[in-house]
């Protein structure tokens, strides 16, 4: 979290595409050596810091929900999308999961891969990270993350079950394709069937908690 901006090429004039140069962050990606609940709590605290900056200096960032809804990868679903999109925006990482943070001596040192940074509701990042933790571990670990996030942010994530369903419906046809990412980071015990089974179980658990009426 402590990297320093060293330079920027917002128009891609020198690098061919928009780019920033930051100082080196210590640590490495690690999803295997820490206890899941300890890692989940730190993920929650880190995401609260990501969402904390004031919006005025960030007005040039894209609308993340508009980008998500326009994506050709979007699968649709029954979640009331316009209600979710109307929630207050924050600085959103847009791909916040266990593989996009660095660790050193069991301490989370930074968040990487900011290419998708956007303005979107906090539930966007929270819902996708919860799904990742369910796939890697279990729903209890996802709840540890959420509790830590809400405590650190001082905010309750409204419509949490709907954000879960948003992530689930937009990954329902592709979740098995995430397997190489998990294997590359050391979770070679996971199979495509594991991911599908956990994805289906999480959807069945969350669907009854959705309030579709508002």
N, C-alpha and C. Protein backbone atom coordinates (compact mmCIF):
# COMPACT_ATOMS: atom_id res chain seq x y z
N UNK A 1 0.82 -1.21 0.00
CA UNK A 1 0.00 0.00 0.00
C UNK A 1 0.85 1.26 0.00
N UNK A 2 2.15 1.15 0.21
CA UNK A 2 2.99 2.31 0.38
C UNK A 2 3.81 2.68 -0.84
N UNK A 3 3.44 2.28 -2.04
CA UNK A 3 4.20 2.63 -3.23
C UNK A 3 4.08 4.12 -3.52
N UNK A 4 5.14 4.66 -4.15
CA UNK A 4 5.17 6.07 -4.51
C UNK A 4 5.08 6.22 -6.02
N UNK A 5 4.25 7.14 -6.48
CA UNK A 5 4.15 7.41 -7.90
C UNK A 5 5.41 8.13 -8.37
N UNK A 6 6.10 7.54 -9.33
CA UNK A 6 7.34 8.10 -9.86
C UNK A 6 7.14 8.80 -11.20
N UNK A 7 6.16 8.39 -11.95
CA UNK A 7 5.92 9.00 -13.24
C UNK A 7 4.63 8.48 -13.84
N UNK A 8 4.13 9.20 -14.85
CA UNK A 8 2.88 8.80 -15.49
C UNK A 8 2.91 9.15 -16.96
N UNK A 9 2.27 8.32 -17.75
CA UNK A 9 2.11 8.54 -19.19
C UNK A 9 0.64 8.29 -19.53
N UNK A 10 -0.23 9.20 -19.06
CA UNK A 10 -1.67 8.93 -19.16
C UNK A 10 -2.19 8.77 -20.57
N UNK A 11 -1.54 9.38 -21.55
CA UNK A 11 -2.00 9.28 -22.94
C UNK A 11 -1.26 8.21 -23.72
N UNK A 12 -0.30 7.53 -23.10
CA UNK A 12 0.46 6.50 -23.79
C UNK A 12 1.40 7.03 -24.84
N UNK A 13 1.83 8.27 -24.71
CA UNK A 13 2.68 8.88 -25.74
C UNK A 13 4.06 8.21 -25.81
N UNK A 14 4.58 7.76 -24.65
CA UNK A 14 5.90 7.14 -24.63
C UNK A 14 5.84 5.63 -24.59
N UNK A 15 4.81 5.08 -23.95
CA UNK A 15 4.76 3.64 -23.76
C UNK A 15 3.80 2.92 -24.71
N UNK A 16 3.04 3.67 -25.49
CA UNK A 16 2.11 3.05 -26.41
C UNK A 16 0.73 2.81 -25.83
N UNK A 17 0.61 2.90 -24.51
CA UNK A 17 -0.68 2.79 -23.84
C UNK A 17 -0.56 3.51 -22.50
N UNK A 18 -1.67 3.92 -21.89
CA UNK A 18 -1.59 4.61 -20.60
C UNK A 18 -0.81 3.79 -19.58
N UNK A 19 0.08 4.44 -18.84
CA UNK A 19 0.95 3.72 -17.92
C UNK A 19 1.38 4.62 -16.77
N UNK A 20 1.70 3.99 -15.65
CA UNK A 20 2.30 4.69 -14.53
C UNK A 20 3.54 3.93 -14.09
N UNK A 21 4.46 4.63 -13.45
CA UNK A 21 5.66 4.02 -12.88
C UNK A 21 5.65 4.28 -11.39
N UNK A 22 5.70 3.21 -10.60
CA UNK A 22 5.69 3.35 -9.15
C UNK A 22 6.94 2.73 -8.56
N UNK A 23 7.23 3.10 -7.32
CA UNK A 23 8.35 2.50 -6.62
C UNK A 23 8.06 1.02 -6.34
N UNK A 24 9.12 0.27 -6.15
CA UNK A 24 8.97 -1.17 -5.95
C UNK A 24 8.36 -1.46 -4.58
N UNK A 25 7.35 -2.33 -4.58
CA UNK A 25 6.75 -2.77 -3.34
C UNK A 25 7.44 -4.04 -2.85
N UNK A 26 7.75 -4.14 -1.57
CA UNK A 26 8.32 -5.38 -1.06
C UNK A 26 7.27 -6.48 -0.98
N UNK A 27 7.71 -7.73 -1.05
CA UNK A 27 6.80 -8.84 -0.88
C UNK A 27 6.59 -9.64 -2.14
N UNK A 28 5.72 -10.64 -2.03
CA UNK A 28 5.40 -11.53 -3.14
C UNK A 28 3.96 -11.99 -3.02
N UNK A 29 3.42 -12.47 -4.12
CA UNK A 29 2.07 -13.05 -4.09
C UNK A 29 2.13 -14.38 -3.35
N UNK A 30 1.19 -14.60 -2.44
CA UNK A 30 1.23 -15.81 -1.61
C UNK A 30 -0.20 -16.16 -1.19
N UNK A 31 -0.72 -17.28 -1.70
CA UNK A 31 -2.06 -17.71 -1.29
C UNK A 31 -2.02 -19.08 -0.61
N UNK A 32 -0.83 -19.49 -0.17
CA UNK A 32 -0.73 -20.83 0.40
C UNK A 32 -0.17 -20.90 1.81
N UNK A 33 0.67 -19.95 2.22
CA UNK A 33 1.41 -20.15 3.47
C UNK A 33 0.70 -19.62 4.71
N UNK A 34 -0.25 -18.70 4.54
CA UNK A 34 -0.91 -18.09 5.69
C UNK A 34 -2.21 -18.80 6.01
N UNK A 35 -2.62 -18.71 7.27
CA UNK A 35 -3.94 -19.19 7.63
C UNK A 35 -4.98 -18.37 6.88
N UNK A 36 -5.97 -19.01 6.27
CA UNK A 36 -6.95 -18.27 5.47
C UNK A 36 -7.64 -17.14 6.22
N UNK A 37 -8.00 -17.37 7.49
CA UNK A 37 -8.72 -16.31 8.21
C UNK A 37 -7.83 -15.12 8.47
N UNK A 38 -6.54 -15.34 8.72
CA UNK A 38 -5.62 -14.23 8.95
C UNK A 38 -5.43 -13.43 7.68
N UNK A 39 -5.28 -14.13 6.56
CA UNK A 39 -5.14 -13.44 5.28
C UNK A 39 -6.42 -12.68 4.93
N UNK A 40 -7.57 -13.28 5.18
CA UNK A 40 -8.85 -12.65 4.84
C UNK A 40 -9.05 -11.35 5.61
N UNK A 41 -8.67 -11.34 6.88
CA UNK A 41 -8.82 -10.12 7.68
C UNK A 41 -7.95 -9.00 7.12
N UNK A 42 -6.72 -9.33 6.73
CA UNK A 42 -5.85 -8.30 6.16
C UNK A 42 -6.36 -7.83 4.80
N UNK A 43 -6.91 -8.73 4.02
CA UNK A 43 -7.52 -8.33 2.75
C UNK A 43 -8.65 -7.33 2.99
N UNK A 44 -9.46 -7.57 4.00
CA UNK A 44 -10.54 -6.65 4.31
C UNK A 44 -10.04 -5.27 4.71
N UNK A 45 -9.00 -5.24 5.55
CA UNK A 45 -8.44 -3.95 5.96
C UNK A 45 -7.83 -3.22 4.77
N UNK A 46 -7.14 -3.96 3.90
CA UNK A 46 -6.51 -3.33 2.73
C UNK A 46 -7.55 -2.75 1.79
N UNK A 47 -8.63 -3.48 1.55
CA UNK A 47 -9.65 -2.98 0.64
C UNK A 47 -10.33 -1.74 1.20
N UNK A 48 -10.50 -1.67 2.50
CA UNK A 48 -11.07 -0.47 3.10
C UNK A 48 -10.19 0.75 2.80
N UNK A 49 -8.88 0.57 2.81
CA UNK A 49 -7.97 1.67 2.48
C UNK A 49 -8.06 2.02 1.00
N UNK A 50 -8.22 1.03 0.14
CA UNK A 50 -8.39 1.31 -1.29
C UNK A 50 -9.61 2.18 -1.52
N UNK A 51 -10.68 1.91 -0.81
CA UNK A 51 -11.95 2.61 -1.03
C UNK A 51 -12.02 3.96 -0.32
N UNK A 52 -11.02 4.31 0.48
CA UNK A 52 -11.11 5.48 1.35
C UNK A 52 -10.83 6.83 0.69
N UNK A 53 -10.02 6.94 -0.37
CA UNK A 53 -9.64 8.26 -0.88
C UNK A 53 -10.84 9.11 -1.31
N UNK A 54 -10.74 10.43 -1.16
CA UNK A 54 -11.81 11.31 -1.64
C UNK A 54 -11.94 11.22 -3.15
N UNK A 55 -13.14 11.44 -3.65
CA UNK A 55 -13.41 11.23 -5.07
C UNK A 55 -13.01 12.40 -5.96
N UNK A 56 -12.93 13.59 -5.40
CA UNK A 56 -12.70 14.77 -6.25
C UNK A 56 -11.47 14.64 -7.15
N UNK A 57 -10.32 14.17 -6.64
CA UNK A 57 -9.16 14.06 -7.52
C UNK A 57 -9.25 12.89 -8.51
N UNK A 58 -10.29 12.05 -8.37
CA UNK A 58 -10.40 10.83 -9.17
C UNK A 58 -11.48 10.94 -10.24
N UNK A 59 -11.95 12.13 -10.50
CA UNK A 59 -13.10 12.29 -11.37
C UNK A 59 -12.83 11.82 -12.80
N UNK A 60 -11.57 11.70 -13.19
CA UNK A 60 -11.27 11.26 -14.53
C UNK A 60 -11.34 9.76 -14.74
N UNK A 61 -11.48 8.99 -13.66
CA UNK A 61 -11.56 7.54 -13.79
C UNK A 61 -12.88 7.14 -14.45
N UNK A 62 -12.85 5.99 -15.11
CA UNK A 62 -14.04 5.52 -15.80
C UNK A 62 -15.12 5.08 -14.81
N UNK A 63 -16.33 5.00 -15.29
CA UNK A 63 -17.46 4.47 -14.52
C UNK A 63 -17.38 2.95 -14.58
N UNK A 64 -17.01 2.35 -13.46
CA UNK A 64 -16.78 0.91 -13.44
C UNK A 64 -18.02 0.09 -13.70
N UNK A 65 -19.16 0.50 -13.19
CA UNK A 65 -20.38 -0.27 -13.42
C UNK A 65 -20.79 -0.20 -14.87
N UNK A 66 -20.64 0.97 -15.50
CA UNK A 66 -20.96 1.07 -16.92
C UNK A 66 -20.06 0.17 -17.73
N UNK A 67 -18.78 0.12 -17.35
CA UNK A 67 -17.84 -0.75 -18.06
C UNK A 67 -18.21 -2.22 -17.86
N UNK A 68 -18.59 -2.59 -16.64
CA UNK A 68 -18.95 -3.98 -16.37
C UNK A 68 -20.20 -4.38 -17.13
N UNK A 69 -21.18 -3.49 -17.19
CA UNK A 69 -22.43 -3.82 -17.86
C UNK A 69 -22.26 -3.90 -19.37
N UNK A 70 -21.27 -3.17 -19.89
CA UNK A 70 -21.03 -3.18 -21.33
C UNK A 70 -20.09 -4.28 -21.77
N UNK A 71 -19.50 -4.99 -20.82
CA UNK A 71 -18.50 -6.00 -21.17
C UNK A 71 -19.13 -7.15 -21.95
N UNK A 72 -18.46 -7.62 -23.02
CA UNK A 72 -18.98 -8.77 -23.77
C UNK A 72 -18.93 -10.06 -22.96
N UNK A 73 -18.18 -10.04 -21.85
CA UNK A 73 -18.08 -11.22 -20.99
C UNK A 73 -19.22 -11.30 -19.99
N UNK A 74 -20.00 -10.22 -19.87
CA UNK A 74 -21.07 -10.21 -18.89
C UNK A 74 -22.14 -11.23 -19.25
N UNK A 75 -22.60 -11.96 -18.22
CA UNK A 75 -23.57 -13.02 -18.45
C UNK A 75 -25.00 -12.62 -18.08
N UNK A 76 -25.17 -11.40 -17.61
CA UNK A 76 -26.51 -10.98 -17.22
C UNK A 76 -26.87 -11.55 -15.86
N UNK A 77 -28.07 -12.01 -15.72
CA UNK A 77 -28.51 -12.52 -14.44
C UNK A 77 -29.72 -11.77 -13.94
N UNK A 78 -30.23 -12.19 -12.80
CA UNK A 78 -31.47 -11.64 -12.30
C UNK A 78 -31.28 -10.55 -11.26
N UNK A 79 -30.04 -10.26 -10.85
CA UNK A 79 -29.83 -9.20 -9.87
C UNK A 79 -30.29 -7.87 -10.44
N UNK A 80 -30.93 -7.01 -9.60
CA UNK A 80 -31.40 -5.69 -10.07
C UNK A 80 -30.21 -4.76 -10.28
N UNK A 81 -29.63 -4.81 -11.46
CA UNK A 81 -28.38 -4.15 -11.76
C UNK A 81 -28.45 -2.64 -11.54
N UNK A 82 -29.54 -2.02 -11.95
CA UNK A 82 -29.61 -0.57 -11.85
C UNK A 82 -29.62 -0.12 -10.39
N UNK A 83 -30.19 -0.93 -9.52
CA UNK A 83 -30.14 -0.60 -8.09
C UNK A 83 -28.72 -0.66 -7.57
N UNK A 84 -27.98 -1.68 -7.99
CA UNK A 84 -26.59 -1.78 -7.56
C UNK A 84 -25.77 -0.63 -8.13
N UNK A 85 -25.98 -0.30 -9.39
CA UNK A 85 -25.20 0.75 -10.05
C UNK A 85 -25.46 2.12 -9.43
N UNK A 86 -26.60 2.30 -8.78
CA UNK A 86 -26.95 3.59 -8.20
C UNK A 86 -26.29 3.83 -6.85
N UNK A 87 -25.63 2.82 -6.28
CA UNK A 87 -24.98 2.98 -4.99
C UNK A 87 -23.82 3.96 -5.09
N UNK A 88 -23.47 4.57 -3.97
CA UNK A 88 -22.41 5.58 -3.94
C UNK A 88 -21.09 5.00 -4.44
N UNK A 89 -20.40 5.69 -5.34
CA UNK A 89 -19.14 5.16 -5.86
C UNK A 89 -17.96 5.44 -4.94
N UNK A 90 -16.94 4.62 -5.07
CA UNK A 90 -15.66 4.80 -4.39
C UNK A 90 -14.57 4.45 -5.40
N UNK A 91 -13.32 4.71 -5.04
CA UNK A 91 -12.21 4.20 -5.85
C UNK A 91 -12.25 2.68 -5.78
N UNK A 92 -12.38 2.05 -6.92
CA UNK A 92 -12.53 0.60 -6.99
C UNK A 92 -11.35 0.00 -7.74
N UNK A 93 -10.76 -1.04 -7.17
CA UNK A 93 -9.64 -1.72 -7.83
C UNK A 93 -10.10 -2.44 -9.08
N UNK A 94 -11.26 -3.07 -9.00
CA UNK A 94 -11.94 -3.74 -10.12
C UNK A 94 -11.46 -5.18 -10.34
N UNK A 95 -10.40 -5.59 -9.67
CA UNK A 95 -9.97 -7.00 -9.76
C UNK A 95 -9.29 -7.37 -8.44
N UNK A 96 -9.97 -7.07 -7.34
CA UNK A 96 -9.39 -7.28 -6.02
C UNK A 96 -9.62 -8.73 -5.59
N UNK A 97 -8.54 -9.52 -5.59
CA UNK A 97 -8.62 -10.91 -5.14
C UNK A 97 -7.29 -11.29 -4.53
N UNK A 98 -7.19 -12.51 -4.04
CA UNK A 98 -6.01 -12.94 -3.28
C UNK A 98 -4.73 -12.91 -4.10
N UNK A 99 -4.83 -13.00 -5.41
CA UNK A 99 -3.64 -13.00 -6.25
C UNK A 99 -3.15 -11.61 -6.65
N UNK A 100 -3.83 -10.57 -6.22
CA UNK A 100 -3.42 -9.21 -6.58
C UNK A 100 -2.95 -8.40 -5.37
N UNK A 101 -2.43 -9.10 -4.37
CA UNK A 101 -1.81 -8.43 -3.23
C UNK A 101 -0.46 -9.09 -2.95
N UNK A 102 0.43 -8.34 -2.29
CA UNK A 102 1.75 -8.84 -1.94
C UNK A 102 1.86 -9.01 -0.43
N UNK A 103 2.70 -9.99 -0.04
CA UNK A 103 2.90 -10.31 1.37
C UNK A 103 4.38 -10.36 1.69
N UNK A 104 4.73 -9.93 2.89
CA UNK A 104 6.08 -10.09 3.41
C UNK A 104 5.99 -10.35 4.90
N UNK A 105 6.55 -11.47 5.33
CA UNK A 105 6.50 -11.84 6.75
C UNK A 105 5.07 -11.83 7.28
N UNK A 106 4.17 -12.43 6.52
CA UNK A 106 2.76 -12.58 6.89
C UNK A 106 2.02 -11.24 7.03
N UNK A 107 2.57 -10.19 6.41
CA UNK A 107 1.92 -8.88 6.43
C UNK A 107 1.64 -8.44 5.00
N UNK A 108 0.43 -8.00 4.74
CA UNK A 108 0.07 -7.52 3.42
C UNK A 108 0.78 -6.18 3.17
N UNK A 109 1.59 -6.13 2.13
CA UNK A 109 2.41 -4.94 1.87
C UNK A 109 1.90 -4.07 0.74
N UNK A 110 1.03 -4.58 -0.11
CA UNK A 110 0.56 -3.75 -1.20
C UNK A 110 -0.44 -4.43 -2.10
N UNK A 111 -1.12 -3.62 -2.89
CA UNK A 111 -2.11 -4.09 -3.86
C UNK A 111 -1.56 -3.79 -5.25
N UNK A 112 -1.60 -4.77 -6.13
CA UNK A 112 -1.01 -4.63 -7.46
C UNK A 112 -2.08 -4.79 -8.55
N UNK A 113 -1.65 -4.56 -9.79
CA UNK A 113 -2.50 -4.72 -10.97
C UNK A 113 -3.69 -3.77 -10.94
N UNK A 114 -3.38 -2.48 -11.14
CA UNK A 114 -4.39 -1.43 -11.06
C UNK A 114 -4.93 -1.03 -12.42
N UNK A 115 -4.75 -1.86 -13.43
CA UNK A 115 -5.13 -1.45 -14.78
C UNK A 115 -6.63 -1.19 -14.92
N UNK A 116 -7.45 -1.79 -14.07
CA UNK A 116 -8.89 -1.61 -14.17
C UNK A 116 -9.48 -0.57 -13.24
N UNK A 117 -8.64 0.16 -12.52
CA UNK A 117 -9.13 1.10 -11.50
C UNK A 117 -10.28 1.96 -12.04
N UNK A 118 -11.34 2.07 -11.25
CA UNK A 118 -12.57 2.72 -11.70
C UNK A 118 -13.27 3.36 -10.51
N UNK A 119 -14.33 4.08 -10.82
CA UNK A 119 -15.27 4.52 -9.80
C UNK A 119 -16.48 3.59 -9.87
N UNK A 120 -16.78 2.94 -8.77
CA UNK A 120 -17.89 1.99 -8.71
C UNK A 120 -18.29 1.81 -7.25
N UNK A 121 -19.44 1.24 -6.98
CA UNK A 121 -19.83 1.00 -5.59
C UNK A 121 -18.88 0.04 -4.90
N UNK A 122 -18.74 0.20 -3.59
CA UNK A 122 -17.82 -0.65 -2.82
C UNK A 122 -18.21 -2.12 -2.90
N UNK A 123 -19.47 -2.40 -3.09
CA UNK A 123 -19.91 -3.78 -3.17
C UNK A 123 -19.33 -4.54 -4.34
N UNK A 124 -18.90 -3.83 -5.39
CA UNK A 124 -18.30 -4.50 -6.55
C UNK A 124 -17.05 -5.26 -6.13
N UNK A 125 -16.07 -4.56 -5.54
CA UNK A 125 -14.84 -5.22 -5.09
C UNK A 125 -15.13 -6.26 -4.01
N UNK A 126 -16.02 -5.92 -3.09
CA UNK A 126 -16.31 -6.82 -1.98
C UNK A 126 -16.90 -8.13 -2.49
N UNK A 127 -17.86 -8.05 -3.40
CA UNK A 127 -18.51 -9.25 -3.89
C UNK A 127 -17.56 -10.18 -4.64
N UNK A 128 -16.70 -9.61 -5.49
CA UNK A 128 -15.76 -10.45 -6.23
C UNK A 128 -14.72 -11.07 -5.32
N UNK A 129 -14.26 -10.33 -4.32
CA UNK A 129 -13.27 -10.91 -3.40
C UNK A 129 -13.91 -12.00 -2.54
N UNK A 130 -15.15 -11.80 -2.14
CA UNK A 130 -15.84 -12.83 -1.38
C UNK A 130 -15.93 -14.13 -2.20
N UNK A 131 -16.27 -14.01 -3.48
CA UNK A 131 -16.35 -15.19 -4.32
C UNK A 131 -14.99 -15.89 -4.41
N UNK A 132 -13.93 -15.11 -4.60
CA UNK A 132 -12.59 -15.69 -4.66
C UNK A 132 -12.27 -16.47 -3.39
N UNK A 133 -12.61 -15.92 -2.23
CA UNK A 133 -12.30 -16.59 -0.97
C UNK A 133 -13.14 -17.85 -0.78
N UNK A 134 -14.37 -17.84 -1.27
CA UNK A 134 -15.18 -19.06 -1.23
C UNK A 134 -14.55 -20.15 -2.10
N UNK A 135 -14.09 -19.77 -3.28
CA UNK A 135 -13.49 -20.76 -4.18
C UNK A 135 -12.18 -21.30 -3.62
N UNK A 136 -11.40 -20.44 -3.01
CA UNK A 136 -10.12 -20.87 -2.45
C UNK A 136 -10.29 -21.61 -1.13
N UNK A 137 -11.29 -21.19 -0.34
CA UNK A 137 -11.40 -21.71 1.02
C UNK A 137 -12.85 -22.12 1.32
N UNK A 138 -13.65 -21.19 1.84
CA UNK A 138 -15.02 -21.52 2.23
C UNK A 138 -15.77 -20.23 2.56
N UNK A 139 -17.09 -20.31 2.71
CA UNK A 139 -17.86 -19.10 3.02
C UNK A 139 -17.46 -18.44 4.34
N UNK A 140 -17.04 -19.21 5.32
CA UNK A 140 -16.64 -18.61 6.60
C UNK A 140 -15.48 -17.65 6.42
N UNK A 141 -14.54 -18.00 5.55
CA UNK A 141 -13.41 -17.12 5.28
C UNK A 141 -13.88 -15.84 4.61
N UNK A 142 -14.85 -15.95 3.71
CA UNK A 142 -15.41 -14.76 3.07
C UNK A 142 -16.06 -13.85 4.10
N UNK A 143 -16.70 -14.41 5.11
CA UNK A 143 -17.34 -13.59 6.13
C UNK A 143 -16.30 -12.90 7.01
N UNK A 144 -15.17 -13.55 7.29
CA UNK A 144 -14.10 -12.90 8.04
C UNK A 144 -13.60 -11.67 7.27
N UNK A 145 -13.39 -11.83 5.98
CA UNK A 145 -12.99 -10.72 5.13
C UNK A 145 -14.00 -9.58 5.21
N UNK A 146 -15.28 -9.90 5.07
CA UNK A 146 -16.32 -8.88 5.05
C UNK A 146 -16.40 -8.15 6.37
N UNK A 147 -16.34 -8.89 7.48
CA UNK A 147 -16.39 -8.25 8.80
C UNK A 147 -15.21 -7.30 8.98
N UNK A 148 -14.02 -7.74 8.56
CA UNK A 148 -12.83 -6.89 8.69
C UNK A 148 -12.97 -5.65 7.82
N UNK A 149 -13.49 -5.82 6.62
CA UNK A 149 -13.67 -4.68 5.72
C UNK A 149 -14.64 -3.67 6.32
N UNK A 150 -15.79 -4.13 6.76
CA UNK A 150 -16.82 -3.22 7.25
C UNK A 150 -16.35 -2.50 8.51
N UNK A 151 -15.61 -3.20 9.36
CA UNK A 151 -15.08 -2.57 10.57
C UNK A 151 -14.07 -1.48 10.20
N UNK A 152 -13.15 -1.79 9.28
CA UNK A 152 -12.12 -0.83 8.90
C UNK A 152 -12.69 0.34 8.12
N UNK A 153 -13.67 0.07 7.26
CA UNK A 153 -14.26 1.13 6.44
C UNK A 153 -15.27 1.97 7.20
N UNK A 154 -15.79 1.41 8.30
CA UNK A 154 -16.86 2.10 9.01
C UNK A 154 -18.13 2.18 8.20
N UNK A 155 -18.30 1.20 7.29
CA UNK A 155 -19.44 1.19 6.38
C UNK A 155 -20.00 -0.23 6.28
N UNK A 156 -21.31 -0.33 6.25
CA UNK A 156 -21.96 -1.59 5.95
C UNK A 156 -22.14 -1.68 4.43
N UNK A 157 -21.83 -2.83 3.86
CA UNK A 157 -22.03 -3.01 2.43
C UNK A 157 -23.50 -3.33 2.18
N UNK A 158 -24.20 -2.36 1.63
CA UNK A 158 -25.62 -2.56 1.35
C UNK A 158 -25.80 -3.57 0.22
N UNK A 159 -26.89 -4.33 0.30
CA UNK A 159 -27.24 -5.31 -0.74
C UNK A 159 -26.12 -6.33 -0.97
N UNK A 160 -25.51 -6.78 0.12
CA UNK A 160 -24.36 -7.68 0.00
C UNK A 160 -24.71 -8.96 -0.76
N UNK A 161 -25.86 -9.54 -0.47
CA UNK A 161 -26.24 -10.77 -1.17
C UNK A 161 -26.41 -10.52 -2.67
N UNK A 162 -26.91 -9.34 -3.04
CA UNK A 162 -27.04 -9.03 -4.46
C UNK A 162 -25.68 -8.85 -5.12
N UNK A 163 -24.73 -8.27 -4.41
CA UNK A 163 -23.38 -8.16 -4.97
C UNK A 163 -22.76 -9.55 -5.13
N UNK A 164 -23.05 -10.43 -4.19
CA UNK A 164 -22.59 -11.82 -4.35
C UNK A 164 -23.18 -12.43 -5.61
N UNK A 165 -24.47 -12.22 -5.82
CA UNK A 165 -25.11 -12.78 -7.00
C UNK A 165 -24.60 -12.12 -8.28
N UNK A 166 -24.25 -10.84 -8.21
CA UNK A 166 -23.67 -10.16 -9.37
C UNK A 166 -22.37 -10.86 -9.78
N UNK A 167 -21.50 -11.12 -8.81
CA UNK A 167 -20.25 -11.82 -9.11
C UNK A 167 -20.51 -13.25 -9.59
N UNK A 168 -21.45 -13.91 -8.98
CA UNK A 168 -21.75 -15.29 -9.35
C UNK A 168 -22.32 -15.39 -10.77
N UNK A 169 -23.27 -14.53 -11.10
CA UNK A 169 -23.88 -14.63 -12.42
C UNK A 169 -22.91 -14.22 -13.53
N UNK A 170 -21.97 -13.34 -13.20
CA UNK A 170 -21.01 -12.90 -14.21
C UNK A 170 -19.78 -13.79 -14.30
N UNK A 171 -19.76 -14.85 -13.52
CA UNK A 171 -18.67 -15.83 -13.62
C UNK A 171 -19.19 -17.24 -13.84
N UNK A 172 -20.49 -17.41 -13.98
CA UNK A 172 -21.07 -18.74 -13.98
C UNK A 172 -20.62 -19.61 -15.15
N UNK A 173 -20.27 -18.99 -16.27
CA UNK A 173 -19.84 -19.78 -17.43
C UNK A 173 -18.33 -19.84 -17.58
N UNK A 174 -17.61 -19.22 -16.65
CA UNK A 174 -16.15 -19.11 -16.83
C UNK A 174 -15.35 -19.51 -15.61
N UNK A 175 -16.00 -19.92 -14.53
CA UNK A 175 -15.25 -20.11 -13.29
C UNK A 175 -14.14 -21.16 -13.42
N UNK A 176 -14.36 -22.17 -14.24
CA UNK A 176 -13.32 -23.19 -14.41
C UNK A 176 -12.05 -22.62 -15.05
N UNK A 177 -12.20 -21.55 -15.82
CA UNK A 177 -11.03 -20.96 -16.49
C UNK A 177 -10.11 -20.25 -15.50
N UNK A 178 -10.55 -20.07 -14.27
CA UNK A 178 -9.70 -19.45 -13.27
C UNK A 178 -8.68 -20.43 -12.70
N UNK A 179 -8.86 -21.71 -12.98
CA UNK A 179 -8.01 -22.73 -12.37
C UNK A 179 -6.51 -22.51 -12.62
N UNK A 180 -6.06 -22.18 -13.85
CA UNK A 180 -4.62 -21.96 -14.05
C UNK A 180 -4.05 -20.86 -13.15
N UNK A 181 -4.84 -19.81 -12.88
CA UNK A 181 -4.35 -18.75 -11.98
C UNK A 181 -4.08 -19.30 -10.59
N UNK A 182 -5.00 -20.12 -10.09
CA UNK A 182 -4.82 -20.70 -8.77
C UNK A 182 -3.66 -21.69 -8.76
N UNK A 183 -3.54 -22.50 -9.80
CA UNK A 183 -2.43 -23.45 -9.87
C UNK A 183 -1.10 -22.72 -9.93
N UNK A 184 -1.02 -21.64 -10.71
CA UNK A 184 0.23 -20.88 -10.83
C UNK A 184 0.68 -20.33 -9.47
N UNK A 185 -0.28 -20.08 -8.59
CA UNK A 185 0.05 -19.52 -7.27
C UNK A 185 0.13 -20.58 -6.19
N UNK A 186 0.16 -21.85 -6.60
CA UNK A 186 0.44 -22.92 -5.65
C UNK A 186 -0.73 -23.75 -5.19
N UNK A 187 -1.98 -23.40 -5.59
CA UNK A 187 -3.13 -24.19 -5.16
C UNK A 187 -3.41 -25.30 -6.19
N UNK A 188 -2.44 -26.17 -6.35
CA UNK A 188 -2.57 -27.26 -7.32
C UNK A 188 -3.51 -28.35 -6.84
N UNK A 189 -3.96 -28.26 -5.59
CA UNK A 189 -4.92 -29.22 -5.08
C UNK A 189 -6.31 -28.99 -5.65
N UNK A 190 -6.59 -27.78 -6.14
CA UNK A 190 -7.91 -27.46 -6.65
C UNK A 190 -8.11 -28.04 -8.05
N UNK A 191 -9.33 -28.45 -8.33
CA UNK A 191 -9.70 -28.95 -9.65
C UNK A 191 -10.82 -28.09 -10.21
N UNK A 192 -11.05 -28.22 -11.51
CA UNK A 192 -12.15 -27.49 -12.14
C UNK A 192 -13.48 -27.88 -11.49
N UNK A 193 -13.61 -29.14 -11.14
CA UNK A 193 -14.84 -29.59 -10.48
C UNK A 193 -15.01 -28.94 -9.11
N UNK A 194 -13.88 -28.75 -8.38
CA UNK A 194 -13.96 -28.06 -7.09
C UNK A 194 -14.51 -26.65 -7.27
N UNK A 195 -14.00 -25.94 -8.26
CA UNK A 195 -14.45 -24.57 -8.48
C UNK A 195 -15.93 -24.52 -8.83
N UNK A 196 -16.37 -25.42 -9.72
CA UNK A 196 -17.77 -25.45 -10.11
C UNK A 196 -18.66 -25.81 -8.93
N UNK A 197 -18.26 -26.78 -8.13
CA UNK A 197 -19.07 -27.20 -6.99
C UNK A 197 -19.20 -26.08 -5.97
N UNK A 198 -18.10 -25.41 -5.67
CA UNK A 198 -18.14 -24.33 -4.69
C UNK A 198 -18.92 -23.13 -5.23
N UNK A 199 -18.78 -22.86 -6.51
CA UNK A 199 -19.53 -21.78 -7.13
C UNK A 199 -21.03 -22.05 -7.03
N UNK A 200 -21.45 -23.26 -7.36
CA UNK A 200 -22.87 -23.61 -7.32
C UNK A 200 -23.41 -23.56 -5.90
N UNK A 201 -22.64 -24.08 -4.95
CA UNK A 201 -23.07 -24.07 -3.55
C UNK A 201 -23.22 -22.65 -3.01
N UNK A 202 -22.29 -21.79 -3.39
CA UNK A 202 -22.35 -20.40 -2.93
C UNK A 202 -23.58 -19.70 -3.51
N UNK A 203 -23.89 -19.96 -4.76
CA UNK A 203 -25.08 -19.38 -5.37
C UNK A 203 -26.34 -19.86 -4.67
N UNK A 204 -26.39 -21.13 -4.36
CA UNK A 204 -27.57 -21.68 -3.68
C UNK A 204 -27.71 -21.11 -2.27
N UNK A 205 -26.58 -20.84 -1.62
CA UNK A 205 -26.62 -20.29 -0.27
C UNK A 205 -27.04 -18.83 -0.27
N UNK A 206 -26.58 -18.05 -1.26
CA UNK A 206 -26.81 -16.62 -1.25
C UNK A 206 -28.17 -16.22 -1.83
N UNK A 207 -28.68 -17.00 -2.76
CA UNK A 207 -29.91 -16.60 -3.47
C UNK A 207 -31.08 -16.32 -2.52
N UNK A 208 -31.33 -17.13 -1.50
CA UNK A 208 -32.46 -16.85 -0.62
C UNK A 208 -32.32 -15.57 0.19
N UNK A 209 -31.10 -15.03 0.30
CA UNK A 209 -30.89 -13.82 1.09
C UNK A 209 -31.06 -12.55 0.27
N UNK A 210 -31.31 -12.69 -1.02
CA UNK A 210 -31.45 -11.53 -1.89
C UNK A 210 -32.84 -10.91 -1.74
N UNK A 211 -32.86 -9.60 -1.59
CA UNK A 211 -34.11 -8.86 -1.59
C UNK A 211 -34.32 -8.30 -3.00
N UNK A 212 -35.20 -8.94 -3.75
CA UNK A 212 -35.41 -8.56 -5.16
C UNK A 212 -36.50 -7.49 -5.30
N UNK A 213 -37.10 -7.05 -4.20
CA UNK A 213 -38.32 -6.25 -4.28
C UNK A 213 -38.08 -4.75 -4.33
N UNK A 214 -36.89 -4.28 -3.91
CA UNK A 214 -36.68 -2.83 -3.84
C UNK A 214 -36.15 -2.29 -5.16
